[in-house]
Amino acid sequence: MNIKKMQEFYRDFVEKRDWKEFHSPKNLSMALSVEASELVEIFQWLSEKQSWNIKDHPEKLIAVQDEMADIFSYLIRLSDVLEMDLEKAFWDKFQKNAEKYPLEKSKEIAQKIRDL
């Protein structure tokens, strides 16, 4: 995956349509939230089992795919507008997560949840 290439593509897409003024960090983060909510809406009233089985329903799976693409595209655009290395941010955050949730502690937490 070439995030830089995706950022350049999206930047060009926006500039050709004269949308740059609407792509502030505030607006992009709000759009990202809206798209995430649209993804949640697809799963909102499904049981756990139904949510797993959504992959057996092509039309619903396409809707999930479209919402995930919208979310991802807004993340790509926001990272470009903020001149952020999104791939580095991903790896940095997982390093923090690994330190915050060491393997043994994480397994203990999961077991406590299962025991509830």
PDB file of N, CA and C in Angstrom:
ATOM      1  N   MET A   1       0.849  -1.167   0.000  1.00  0.00           N
ATOM      2  CA  MET A   1       0.000   0.000   0.000  1.00  0.00           C
ATOM      3  C   MET A   1       0.904   1.242   0.000  1.00  0.00           C
ATOM      4  N   ASN A   2       0.627   2.136  -0.887  1.00  0.00           N
ATOM      5  CA  ASN A   2       1.426   3.344  -1.000  1.00  0.00           C
ATOM      6  C   ASN A   2       0.589   4.539  -0.543  1.00  0.00           C
ATOM      7  N   ILE A   3       0.709   4.874   0.719  1.00  0.00           N
ATOM      8  CA  ILE A   3      -0.107   5.944   1.291  1.00  0.00           C
ATOM      9  C   ILE A   3       0.227   7.285   0.665  1.00  0.00           C
ATOM     10  N   LYS A   4       1.494   7.538   0.406  1.00  0.00           N
ATOM     11  CA  LYS A   4       1.883   8.811  -0.231  1.00  0.00           C
ATOM     12  C   LYS A   4       1.187   8.975  -1.581  1.00  0.00           C
ATOM     13  N   LYS A   5       1.165   7.900  -2.351  1.00  0.00           N
ATOM     14  CA  LYS A   5       0.502   7.940  -3.662  1.00  0.00           C
ATOM     15  C   LYS A   5      -0.996   8.204  -3.499  1.00  0.00           C
ATOM     16  N   MET A   6      -1.599   7.604  -2.488  1.00  0.00           N
ATOM     17  CA  MET A   6      -3.021   7.814  -2.227  1.00  0.00           C
ATOM     18  C   MET A   6      -3.280   9.264  -1.807  1.00  0.00           C
ATOM     19  N   GLN A   7      -2.401   9.803  -0.969  1.00  0.00           N
ATOM     20  CA  GLN A   7      -2.539  11.205  -0.564  1.00  0.00           C
ATOM     21  C   GLN A   7      -2.442  12.133  -1.777  1.00  0.00           C
ATOM     22  N   GLU A   8      -1.477  11.868  -2.633  1.00  0.00           N
ATOM     23  CA  GLU A   8      -1.304  12.690  -3.836  1.00  0.00           C
ATOM     24  C   GLU A   8      -2.529  12.594  -4.742  1.00  0.00           C
ATOM     25  N   PHE A   9      -3.044  11.384  -4.924  1.00  0.00           N
ATOM     26  CA  PHE A   9      -4.234  11.183  -5.749  1.00  0.00           C
ATOM     27  C   PHE A   9      -5.411  11.973  -5.186  1.00  0.00           C
ATOM     28  N   TYR A  10      -5.642  11.848  -3.881  1.00  0.00           N
ATOM     29  CA  TYR A  10      -6.779  12.527  -3.253  1.00  0.00           C
ATOM     30  C   TYR A  10      -6.591  14.045  -3.307  1.00  0.00           C
ATOM     31  N   ARG A  11      -5.362  14.510  -3.054  1.00  0.00           N
ATOM     32  CA  ARG A  11      -5.077  15.947  -3.120  1.00  0.00           C
ATOM     33  C   ARG A  11      -5.423  16.490  -4.504  1.00  0.00           C
ATOM     34  N   ASP A  12      -5.000  15.784  -5.541  1.00  0.00           N
ATOM     35  CA  ASP A  12      -5.275  16.185  -6.917  1.00  0.00           C
ATOM     36  C   ASP A  12      -6.780  16.150  -7.189  1.00  0.00           C
ATOM     37  N   PHE A  13      -7.457  15.111  -6.720  1.00  0.00           N
ATOM     38  CA  PHE A  13      -8.904  14.967  -6.873  1.00  0.00           C
ATOM     39  C   PHE A  13      -9.618  16.187  -6.285  1.00  0.00           C
ATOM     40  N   VAL A  14      -9.214  16.583  -5.084  1.00  0.00           N
ATOM     41  CA  VAL A  14      -9.817  17.718  -4.385  1.00  0.00           C
ATOM     42  C   VAL A  14      -9.516  19.031  -5.113  1.00  0.00           C
ATOM     43  N   GLU A  15      -8.260  19.218  -5.495  1.00  0.00           N
ATOM     44  CA  GLU A  15      -7.870  20.468  -6.146  1.00  0.00           C
ATOM     45  C   GLU A  15      -8.580  20.662  -7.475  1.00  0.00           C
ATOM     46  N   LYS A  16      -8.740  19.599  -8.247  1.00  0.00           N
ATOM     47  CA  LYS A  16      -9.428  19.693  -9.541  1.00  0.00           C
ATOM     48  C   LYS A  16     -10.893  20.070  -9.376  1.00  0.00           C
ATOM     49  N   ARG A  17     -11.479  19.749  -8.243  1.00  0.00           N
ATOM     50  CA  ARG A  17     -12.887  20.040  -7.988  1.00  0.00           C
ATOM     51  C   ARG A  17     -13.082  21.318  -7.172  1.00  0.00           C
ATOM     52  N   ASP A  18     -11.976  21.976  -6.837  1.00  0.00           N
ATOM     53  CA  ASP A  18     -12.020  23.225  -6.074  1.00  0.00           C
ATOM     54  C   ASP A  18     -12.681  23.038  -4.709  1.00  0.00           C
ATOM     55  N   TRP A  19     -12.326  21.946  -4.030  1.00  0.00           N
ATOM     56  CA  TRP A  19     -12.889  21.621  -2.724  1.00  0.00           C
ATOM     57  C   TRP A  19     -11.929  21.908  -1.566  1.00  0.00           C
ATOM     58  N   LYS A  20     -10.730  22.373  -1.879  1.00  0.00           N
ATOM     59  CA  LYS A  20      -9.692  22.488  -0.846  1.00  0.00           C
ATOM     60  C   LYS A  20     -10.164  23.287   0.378  1.00  0.00           C
ATOM     61  N   GLU A  21     -10.901  24.351   0.145  1.00  0.00           N
ATOM     62  CA  GLU A  21     -11.351  25.190   1.264  1.00  0.00           C
ATOM     63  C   GLU A  21     -12.256  24.436   2.239  1.00  0.00           C
ATOM     64  N   PHE A  22     -12.874  23.356   1.771  1.00  0.00           N
ATOM     65  CA  PHE A  22     -13.778  22.584   2.621  1.00  0.00           C
ATOM     66  C   PHE A  22     -13.056  21.463   3.369  1.00  0.00           C
ATOM     67  N   HIS A  23     -11.791  21.277   3.072  1.00  0.00           N
ATOM     68  CA  HIS A  23     -11.039  20.167   3.660  1.00  0.00           C
ATOM     69  C   HIS A  23     -10.128  20.626   4.793  1.00  0.00           C
ATOM     70  N   SER A  24     -10.721  21.318   5.737  1.00  0.00           N
ATOM     71  CA  SER A  24      -9.992  21.696   6.950  1.00  0.00           C
ATOM     72  C   SER A  24      -9.898  20.465   7.844  1.00  0.00           C
ATOM     73  N   PRO A  25      -8.942  20.455   8.773  1.00  0.00           N
ATOM     74  CA  PRO A  25      -8.893  19.329   9.721  1.00  0.00           C
ATOM     75  C   PRO A  25     -10.216  19.140  10.463  1.00  0.00           C
ATOM     76  N   LYS A  26     -10.867  20.235  10.826  1.00  0.00           N
ATOM     77  CA  LYS A  26     -12.154  20.149  11.521  1.00  0.00           C
ATOM     78  C   LYS A  26     -13.179  19.458  10.645  1.00  0.00           C
ATOM     79  N   ASN A  27     -13.324  19.896   9.406  1.00  0.00           N
ATOM     80  CA  ASN A  27     -14.331  19.319   8.517  1.00  0.00           C
ATOM     81  C   ASN A  27     -14.025  17.859   8.189  1.00  0.00           C
ATOM     82  N   LEU A  28     -12.764  17.556   7.963  1.00  0.00           N
ATOM     83  CA  LEU A  28     -12.395  16.181   7.637  1.00  0.00           C
ATOM     84  C   LEU A  28     -12.632  15.246   8.818  1.00  0.00           C
ATOM     85  N   SER A  29     -12.324  15.704  10.023  1.00  0.00           N
ATOM     86  CA  SER A  29     -12.567  14.844  11.192  1.00  0.00           C
ATOM     87  C   SER A  29     -14.061  14.643  11.415  1.00  0.00           C
ATOM     88  N   MET A  30     -14.859  15.676  11.128  1.00  0.00           N
ATOM     89  CA  MET A  30     -16.307  15.529  11.248  1.00  0.00           C
ATOM     90  C   MET A  30     -16.837  14.561  10.188  1.00  0.00           C
ATOM     91  N   ALA A  31     -16.334  14.671   8.964  1.00  0.00           N
ATOM     92  CA  ALA A  31     -16.748  13.758   7.894  1.00  0.00           C
ATOM     93  C   ALA A  31     -16.356  12.325   8.239  1.00  0.00           C
ATOM     94  N   LEU A  32     -15.192  12.169   8.813  1.00  0.00           N
ATOM     95  CA  LEU A  32     -14.728  10.849   9.239  1.00  0.00           C
ATOM     96  C   LEU A  32     -15.688  10.258  10.273  1.00  0.00           C
ATOM     97  N   SER A  33     -16.118  11.065  11.204  1.00  0.00           N
ATOM     98  CA  SER A  33     -17.060  10.616  12.228  1.00  0.00           C
ATOM     99  C   SER A  33     -18.395  10.211  11.614  1.00  0.00           C
ATOM    100  N   VAL A  34     -18.871  10.984  10.662  1.00  0.00           N
ATOM    101  CA  VAL A  34     -20.133  10.670   9.985  1.00  0.00           C
ATOM    102  C   VAL A  34     -20.027   9.329   9.262  1.00  0.00           C
ATOM    103  N   GLU A  35     -18.920   9.129   8.551  1.00  0.00           N
ATOM    104  CA  GLU A  35     -18.751   7.871   7.815  1.00  0.00           C
ATOM    105  C   GLU A  35     -18.636   6.681   8.774  1.00  0.00           C
ATOM    106  N   ALA A  36     -17.953   6.867   9.887  1.00  0.00           N
ATOM    107  CA  ALA A  36     -17.867   5.796  10.886  1.00  0.00           C
ATOM    108  C   ALA A  36     -19.256   5.477  11.424  1.00  0.00           C
ATOM    109  N   SER A  37     -20.067   6.499  11.623  1.00  0.00           N
ATOM    110  CA  SER A  37     -21.440   6.269  12.088  1.00  0.00           C
ATOM    111  C   SER A  37     -22.256   5.518  11.051  1.00  0.00           C
ATOM    112  N   GLU A  38     -22.019   5.785   9.779  1.00  0.00           N
ATOM    113  CA  GLU A  38     -22.735   5.062   8.725  1.00  0.00           C
ATOM    114  C   GLU A  38     -22.334   3.582   8.716  1.00  0.00           C
ATOM    115  N   LEU A  39     -21.081   3.309   9.033  1.00  0.00           N
ATOM    116  CA  LEU A  39     -20.650   1.914   9.159  1.00  0.00           C
ATOM    117  C   LEU A  39     -21.335   1.254  10.354  1.00  0.00           C
ATOM    118  N   VAL A  40     -21.373   1.944  11.461  1.00  0.00           N
ATOM    119  CA  VAL A  40     -22.041   1.424  12.662  1.00  0.00           C
ATOM    120  C   VAL A  40     -23.511   1.148  12.375  1.00  0.00           C
ATOM    121  N   GLU A  41     -24.137   2.015  11.612  1.00  0.00           N
ATOM    122  CA  GLU A  41     -25.557   1.870  11.301  1.00  0.00           C
ATOM    123  C   GLU A  41     -25.855   0.534  10.603  1.00  0.00           C
ATOM    124  N   ILE A  42     -24.951   0.092   9.755  1.00  0.00           N
ATOM    125  CA  ILE A  42     -25.143  -1.178   9.057  1.00  0.00           C
ATOM    126  C   ILE A  42     -25.259  -2.335  10.048  1.00  0.00           C
ATOM    127  N   PHE A  43     -24.481  -2.273  11.108  1.00  0.00           N
ATOM    128  CA  PHE A  43     -24.431  -3.362  12.097  1.00  0.00           C
ATOM    129  C   PHE A  43     -25.351  -3.141  13.299  1.00  0.00           C
ATOM    130  N   GLN A  44     -25.951  -1.974  13.388  1.00  0.00           N
ATOM    131  CA  GLN A  44     -26.645  -1.528  14.589  1.00  0.00           C
ATOM    132  C   GLN A  44     -27.595  -2.548  15.199  1.00  0.00           C
ATOM    133  N   TRP A  45     -28.451  -3.157  14.450  1.00  0.00           N
ATOM    134  CA  TRP A  45     -29.471  -4.030  15.022  1.00  0.00           C
ATOM    135  C   TRP A  45     -29.189  -5.508  14.779  1.00  0.00           C
ATOM    136  N   LEU A  46     -27.980  -5.828  14.349  1.00  0.00           N
ATOM    137  CA  LEU A  46     -27.633  -7.227  14.115  1.00  0.00           C
ATOM    138  C   LEU A  46     -27.147  -7.881  15.404  1.00  0.00           C
ATOM    139  N   SER A  47     -27.385  -9.168  15.508  1.00  0.00           N
ATOM    140  CA  SER A  47     -26.802  -9.925  16.620  1.00  0.00           C
ATOM    141  C   SER A  47     -25.316 -10.123  16.325  1.00  0.00           C
ATOM    142  N   GLU A  48     -24.598 -10.627  17.303  1.00  0.00           N
ATOM    143  CA  GLU A  48     -23.174 -10.932  17.084  1.00  0.00           C
ATOM    144  C   GLU A  48     -23.020 -11.889  15.907  1.00  0.00           C
ATOM    145  N   LYS A  49     -23.842 -12.948  15.915  1.00  0.00           N
ATOM    146  CA  LYS A  49     -23.769 -13.955  14.848  1.00  0.00           C
ATOM    147  C   LYS A  49     -24.079 -13.334  13.490  1.00  0.00           C
ATOM    148  N   GLN A  50     -25.120 -12.518  13.420  1.00  0.00           N
ATOM    149  CA  GLN A  50     -25.476 -11.873  12.155  1.00  0.00           C
ATOM    150  C   GLN A  50     -24.358 -10.961  11.661  1.00  0.00           C
ATOM    151  N   SER A  51     -23.684 -10.295  12.589  1.00  0.00           N
ATOM    152  CA  SER A  51     -22.596  -9.404  12.174  1.00  0.00           C
ATOM    153  C   SER A  51     -21.453 -10.200  11.545  1.00  0.00           C
ATOM    154  N   TRP A  52     -21.177 -11.375  12.085  1.00  0.00           N
ATOM    155  CA  TRP A  52     -20.150 -12.244  11.483  1.00  0.00           C
ATOM    156  C   TRP A  52     -20.595 -12.765  10.124  1.00  0.00           C
ATOM    157  N   ASN A  53     -21.881 -13.021   9.996  1.00  0.00           N
ATOM    158  CA  ASN A  53     -22.412 -13.608   8.767  1.00  0.00           C
ATOM    159  C   ASN A  53     -22.686 -12.593   7.664  1.00  0.00           C
ATOM    160  N   ILE A  54     -22.402 -11.337   7.914  1.00  0.00           N
ATOM    161  CA  ILE A  54     -22.659 -10.310   6.896  1.00  0.00           C
ATOM    162  C   ILE A  54     -21.871 -10.590   5.614  1.00  0.00           C
ATOM    163  N   LYS A  55     -20.755 -11.281   5.763  1.00  0.00           N
ATOM    164  CA  LYS A  55     -19.949 -11.605   4.581  1.00  0.00           C
ATOM    165  C   LYS A  55     -20.652 -12.582   3.650  1.00  0.00           C
ATOM    166  N   ASP A  56     -21.737 -13.193   4.122  1.00  0.00           N
ATOM    167  CA  ASP A  56     -22.534 -14.092   3.287  1.00  0.00           C
ATOM    168  C   ASP A  56     -23.631 -13.346   2.520  1.00  0.00           C
ATOM    169  N   HIS A  57     -23.680 -12.033   2.672  1.00  0.00           N
ATOM    170  CA  HIS A  57     -24.696 -11.197   2.022  1.00  0.00           C
ATOM    171  C   HIS A  57     -23.984 -10.136   1.175  1.00  0.00           C
ATOM    172  N   PRO A  58     -23.753 -10.442  -0.094  1.00  0.00           N
ATOM    173  CA  PRO A  58     -22.927  -9.570  -0.948  1.00  0.00           C
ATOM    174  C   PRO A  58     -23.347  -8.104  -0.966  1.00  0.00           C
ATOM    175  N   GLU A  59     -24.648  -7.833  -0.983  1.00  0.00           N
ATOM    176  CA  GLU A  59     -25.086  -6.431  -1.054  1.00  0.00           C
ATOM    177  C   GLU A  59     -24.746  -5.689   0.238  1.00  0.00           C
ATOM    178  N   LYS A  60     -24.866  -6.357   1.367  1.00  0.00           N
ATOM    179  CA  LYS A  60     -24.513  -5.729   2.644  1.00  0.00           C
ATOM    180  C   LYS A  60     -23.004  -5.601   2.777  1.00  0.00           C
ATOM    181  N   LEU A  61     -22.296  -6.582   2.286  1.00  0.00           N
ATOM    182  CA  LEU A  61     -20.839  -6.535   2.345  1.00  0.00           C
ATOM    183  C   LEU A  61     -20.290  -5.388   1.495  1.00  0.00           C
ATOM    184  N   ILE A  62     -20.923  -5.127   0.363  1.00  0.00           N
ATOM    185  CA  ILE A  62     -20.519  -3.987  -0.475  1.00  0.00           C
ATOM    186  C   ILE A  62     -20.770  -2.680   0.274  1.00  0.00           C
ATOM    187  N   ALA A  63     -21.879  -2.593   0.986  1.00  0.00           N
ATOM    188  CA  ALA A  63     -22.166  -1.388   1.774  1.00  0.00           C
ATOM    189  C   ALA A  63     -21.107  -1.188   2.855  1.00  0.00           C
ATOM    190  N   VAL A  64     -20.702  -2.271   3.512  1.00  0.00           N
ATOM    191  CA  VAL A  64     -19.642  -2.201   4.528  1.00  0.00           C
ATOM    192  C   VAL A  64     -18.338  -1.750   3.869  1.00  0.00           C
ATOM    193  N   GLN A  65     -18.040  -2.355   2.746  1.00  0.00           N
ATOM    194  CA  GLN A  65     -16.812  -2.001   2.017  1.00  0.00           C
ATOM    195  C   GLN A  65     -16.808  -0.523   1.636  1.00  0.00           C
ATOM    196  N   ASP A  66     -17.925  -0.013   1.140  1.00  0.00           N
ATOM    197  CA  ASP A  66     -18.005   1.401   0.759  1.00  0.00           C
ATOM    198  C   ASP A  66     -17.782   2.323   1.947  1.00  0.00           C
ATOM    199  N   GLU A  67     -18.383   1.989   3.081  1.00  0.00           N
ATOM    200  CA  GLU A  67     -18.208   2.839   4.266  1.00  0.00           C
ATOM    201  C   GLU A  67     -16.767   2.772   4.775  1.00  0.00           C
ATOM    202  N   MET A  68     -16.185   1.583   4.737  1.00  0.00           N
ATOM    203  CA  MET A  68     -14.785   1.461   5.154  1.00  0.00           C
ATOM    204  C   MET A  68     -13.882   2.267   4.226  1.00  0.00           C
ATOM    205  N   ALA A  69     -14.174   2.265   2.945  1.00  0.00           N
ATOM    206  CA  ALA A  69     -13.388   3.045   1.989  1.00  0.00           C
ATOM    207  C   ALA A  69     -13.541   4.545   2.259  1.00  0.00           C
ATOM    208  N   ASP A  70     -14.755   4.972   2.585  1.00  0.00           N
ATOM    209  CA  ASP A  70     -14.964   6.385   2.926  1.00  0.00           C
ATOM    210  C   ASP A  70     -14.154   6.773   4.157  1.00  0.00           C
ATOM    211  N   ILE A  71     -14.198   5.934   5.184  1.00  0.00           N
ATOM    212  CA  ILE A  71     -13.444   6.194   6.416  1.00  0.00           C
ATOM    213  C   ILE A  71     -11.954   6.276   6.109  1.00  0.00           C
ATOM    214  N   PHE A  72     -11.479   5.293   5.371  1.00  0.00           N
ATOM    215  CA  PHE A  72     -10.055   5.244   5.036  1.00  0.00           C
ATOM    216  C   PHE A  72      -9.641   6.450   4.204  1.00  0.00           C
ATOM    217  N   SER A  73     -10.477   6.840   3.252  1.00  0.00           N
ATOM    218  CA  SER A  73     -10.117   7.974   2.401  1.00  0.00           C
ATOM    219  C   SER A  73     -10.040   9.273   3.203  1.00  0.00           C
ATOM    220  N   TYR A  74     -10.956   9.442   4.158  1.00  0.00           N
ATOM    221  CA  TYR A  74     -10.876  10.648   4.996  1.00  0.00           C
ATOM    222  C   TYR A  74      -9.644  10.621   5.899  1.00  0.00           C
ATOM    223  N   LEU A  75      -9.240   9.456   6.377  1.00  0.00           N
ATOM    224  CA  LEU A  75      -7.997   9.359   7.151  1.00  0.00           C
ATOM    225  C   LEU A  75      -6.791   9.725   6.286  1.00  0.00           C
ATOM    226  N   ILE A  76      -6.803   9.227   5.055  1.00  0.00           N
ATOM    227  CA  ILE A  76      -5.720   9.547   4.116  1.00  0.00           C
ATOM    228  C   ILE A  76      -5.673  11.050   3.876  1.00  0.00           C
ATOM    229  N   ARG A  77      -6.816  11.645   3.628  1.00  0.00           N
ATOM    230  CA  ARG A  77      -6.867  13.084   3.350  1.00  0.00           C
ATOM    231  C   ARG A  77      -6.467  13.903   4.574  1.00  0.00           C
ATOM    232  N   LEU A  78      -6.970  13.530   5.740  1.00  0.00           N
ATOM    233  CA  LEU A  78      -6.636  14.262   6.962  1.00  0.00           C
ATOM    234  C   LEU A  78      -5.143  14.184   7.246  1.00  0.00           C
ATOM    235  N   SER A  79      -4.562  13.030   7.062  1.00  0.00           N
ATOM    236  CA  SER A  79      -3.122  12.899   7.295  1.00  0.00           C
ATOM    237  C   SER A  79      -2.329  13.760   6.312  1.00  0.00           C
ATOM    238  N   ASP A  80      -2.821  13.891   5.093  1.00  0.00           N
ATOM    239  CA  ASP A  80      -2.147  14.738   4.103  1.00  0.00           C
ATOM    240  C   ASP A  80      -2.264  16.213   4.480  1.00  0.00           C
ATOM    241  N   VAL A  81      -3.470  16.640   4.838  1.00  0.00           N
ATOM    242  CA  VAL A  81      -3.694  18.042   5.207  1.00  0.00           C
ATOM    243  C   VAL A  81      -2.825  18.425   6.408  1.00  0.00           C
ATOM    244  N   LEU A  82      -2.648  17.494   7.339  1.00  0.00           N
ATOM    245  CA  LEU A  82      -1.850  17.760   8.544  1.00  0.00           C
ATOM    246  C   LEU A  82      -0.371  17.399   8.360  1.00  0.00           C
ATOM    247  N   GLU A  83      -0.015  17.002   7.122  1.00  0.00           N
ATOM    248  CA  GLU A  83       1.367  16.635   6.797  1.00  0.00           C
ATOM    249  C   GLU A  83       1.895  15.581   7.765  1.00  0.00           C
ATOM    250  N   MET A  84       1.076  14.555   7.969  1.00  0.00           N
ATOM    251  CA  MET A  84       1.393  13.495   8.911  1.00  0.00           C
ATOM    252  C   MET A  84       1.744  12.216   8.150  1.00  0.00           C
ATOM    253  N   ASP A  85       2.726  11.519   8.658  1.00  0.00           N
ATOM    254  CA  ASP A  85       3.088  10.222   8.101  1.00  0.00           C
ATOM    255  C   ASP A  85       2.181   9.189   8.761  1.00  0.00           C
ATOM    256  N   LEU A  86       1.123   8.819   8.068  1.00  0.00           N
ATOM    257  CA  LEU A  86       0.105   7.936   8.644  1.00  0.00           C
ATOM    258  C   LEU A  86       0.662   6.550   8.951  1.00  0.00           C
ATOM    259  N   GLU A  87       1.522   6.046   8.088  1.00  0.00           N
ATOM    260  CA  GLU A  87       2.111   4.730   8.352  1.00  0.00           C
ATOM    261  C   GLU A  87       2.967   4.768   9.615  1.00  0.00           C
ATOM    262  N   LYS A  88       3.762   5.821   9.782  1.00  0.00           N
ATOM    263  CA  LYS A  88       4.582   5.961  10.990  1.00  0.00           C
ATOM    264  C   LYS A  88       3.684   6.094  12.219  1.00  0.00           C
ATOM    265  N   ALA A  89       2.610   6.861  12.084  1.00  0.00           N
ATOM    266  CA  ALA A  89       1.676   7.020  13.204  1.00  0.00           C
ATOM    267  C   ALA A  89       1.089   5.672  13.615  1.00  0.00           C
ATOM    268  N   PHE A  90       0.768   4.841  12.628  1.00  0.00           N
ATOM    269  CA  PHE A  90       0.242   3.502  12.901  1.00  0.00           C
ATOM    270  C   PHE A  90       1.235   2.693  13.719  1.00  0.00           C
ATOM    271  N   TRP A  91       2.483   2.617  13.254  1.00  0.00           N
ATOM    272  CA  TRP A  91       3.494   1.807  13.944  1.00  0.00           C
ATOM    273  C   TRP A  91       3.841   2.388  15.313  1.00  0.00           C
ATOM    274  N   ASP A  92       3.902   3.724  15.414  1.00  0.00           N
ATOM    275  CA  ASP A  92       4.177   4.359  16.707  1.00  0.00           C
ATOM    276  C   ASP A  92       3.078   4.041  17.719  1.00  0.00           C
ATOM    277  N   LYS A  93       1.838   4.091  17.276  1.00  0.00           N
ATOM    278  CA  LYS A  93       0.711   3.825  18.176  1.00  0.00           C
ATOM    279  C   LYS A  93       0.714   2.368  18.637  1.00  0.00           C
ATOM    280  N   PHE A  94       1.044   1.434  17.725  1.00  0.00           N
ATOM    281  CA  PHE A  94       1.077   0.042  18.147  1.00  0.00           C
ATOM    282  C   PHE A  94       2.236  -0.235  19.090  1.00  0.00           C
ATOM    283  N   GLN A  95       3.307   0.508  18.967  1.00  0.00           N
ATOM    284  CA  GLN A  95       4.396   0.375  19.935  1.00  0.00           C
ATOM    285  C   GLN A  95       3.900   0.817  21.315  1.00  0.00           C
ATOM    286  N   LYS A  96       3.188   1.927  21.356  1.00  0.00           N
ATOM    287  CA  LYS A  96       2.609   2.396  22.624  1.00  0.00           C
ATOM    288  C   LYS A  96       1.626   1.364  23.183  1.00  0.00           C
ATOM    289  N   ASN A  97       0.802   0.784  22.296  1.00  0.00           N
ATOM    290  CA  ASN A  97      -0.157  -0.232  22.739  1.00  0.00           C
ATOM    291  C   ASN A  97       0.549  -1.459  23.311  1.00  0.00           C
ATOM    292  N   ALA A  98       1.638  -1.862  22.675  1.00  0.00           N
ATOM    293  CA  ALA A  98       2.391  -3.033  23.148  1.00  0.00           C
ATOM    294  C   ALA A  98       2.966  -2.765  24.539  1.00  0.00           C
ATOM    295  N   GLU A  99       3.409  -1.536  24.775  1.00  0.00           N
ATOM    296  CA  GLU A  99       3.940  -1.179  26.088  1.00  0.00           C
ATOM    297  C   GLU A  99       2.820  -1.077  27.130  1.00  0.00           C
ATOM    298  N   LYS A 100       1.681  -0.538  26.702  1.00  0.00           N
ATOM    299  CA  LYS A 100       0.550  -0.355  27.617  1.00  0.00           C
ATOM    300  C   LYS A 100      -0.122  -1.675  27.952  1.00  0.00           C
ATOM    301  N   TYR A 101      -0.153  -2.578  26.987  1.00  0.00           N
ATOM    302  CA  TYR A 101      -0.824  -3.869  27.151  1.00  0.00           C
ATOM    303  C   TYR A 101       0.142  -5.013  26.864  1.00  0.00           C
ATOM    304  N   PRO A 102       1.069  -5.271  27.786  1.00  0.00           N
ATOM    305  CA  PRO A 102       1.972  -6.400  27.566  1.00  0.00           C
ATOM    306  C   PRO A 102       1.166  -7.694  27.458  1.00  0.00           C
ATOM    307  N   LEU A 103       1.729  -8.663  26.793  1.00  0.00           N
ATOM    308  CA  LEU A 103       1.021  -9.892  26.446  1.00  0.00           C
ATOM    309  C   LEU A 103       0.337 -10.557  27.645  1.00  0.00           C
ATOM    310  N   GLU A 104       1.054 -10.800  28.703  1.00  0.00           N
ATOM    311  CA  GLU A 104       0.463 -11.496  29.856  1.00  0.00           C
ATOM    312  C   GLU A 104      -0.663 -10.685  30.490  1.00  0.00           C
ATOM    313  N   LYS A 105      -0.450  -9.375  30.646  1.00  0.00           N
ATOM    314  CA  LYS A 105      -1.486  -8.528  31.243  1.00  0.00           C
ATOM    315  C   LYS A 105      -2.736  -8.548  30.363  1.00  0.00           C
ATOM    316  N   SER A 106      -2.561  -8.525  29.059  1.00  0.00           N
ATOM    317  CA  SER A 106      -3.687  -8.519  28.128  1.00  0.00           C
ATOM    318  C   SER A 106      -4.475  -9.813  28.204  1.00  0.00           C
ATOM    319  N   LYS A 107      -3.772 -10.924  28.320  1.00  0.00           N
ATOM    320  CA  LYS A 107      -4.457 -12.209  28.438  1.00  0.00           C
ATOM    321  C   LYS A 107      -5.256 -12.281  29.732  1.00  0.00           C
ATOM    322  N   GLU A 108      -4.719 -11.712  30.803  1.00  0.00           N
ATOM    323  CA  GLU A 108      -5.429 -11.689  32.084  1.00  0.00           C
ATOM    324  C   GLU A 108      -6.702 -10.848  31.974  1.00  0.00           C
ATOM    325  N   ILE A 109      -6.608  -9.713  31.305  1.00  0.00           N
ATOM    326  CA  ILE A 109      -7.772  -8.836  31.130  1.00  0.00           C
ATOM    327  C   ILE A 109      -8.844  -9.556  30.318  1.00  0.00           C
ATOM    328  N   ALA A 110      -8.435 -10.212  29.236  1.00  0.00           N
ATOM    329  CA  ALA A 110      -9.398 -10.941  28.386  1.00  0.00           C
ATOM    330  C   ALA A 110     -10.089 -12.026  29.185  1.00  0.00           C
ATOM    331  N   GLN A 111      -9.342 -12.731  30.018  1.00  0.00           N
ATOM    332  CA  GLN A 111      -9.934 -13.811  30.821  1.00  0.00           C
ATOM    333  C   GLN A 111     -10.923 -13.245  31.836  1.00  0.00           C
ATOM    334  N   LYS A 112     -10.604 -12.108  32.447  1.00  0.00           N
ATOM    335  CA  LYS A 112     -11.524 -11.482  33.409  1.00  0.00           C
ATOM    336  C   LYS A 112     -12.842 -11.108  32.709  1.00  0.00           C
ATOM    337  N   ILE A 113     -12.747 -10.633  31.496  1.00  0.00           N
ATOM    338  CA  ILE A 113     -13.955 -10.275  30.739  1.00  0.00           C
ATOM    339  C   ILE A 113     -14.772 -11.519  30.424  1.00  0.00           C
ATOM    340  N   ARG A 114     -14.093 -12.588  30.029  1.00  0.00           N
ATOM    341  CA  ARG A 114     -14.786 -13.851  29.734  1.00  0.00           C
ATOM    342  C   ARG A 114     -15.500 -14.394  30.964  1.00  0.00           C
ATOM    343  N   ASP A 115     -14.906 -14.176  32.130  1.00  0.00           N
ATOM    344  CA  ASP A 115     -15.463 -14.696  33.376  1.00  0.00           C
ATOM    345  C   ASP A 115     -16.658 -13.888  33.910  1.00  0.00           C
ATOM    346  N   LEU A 116     -16.928 -12.764  33.332  1.00  0.00           N
ATOM    347  CA  LEU A 116     -18.048 -11.931  33.816  1.00  0.00           C
ATOM    348  C   LEU A 116     -19.378 -12.609  33.636  1.00  0.00           C
TER     349      LEU A 116
END
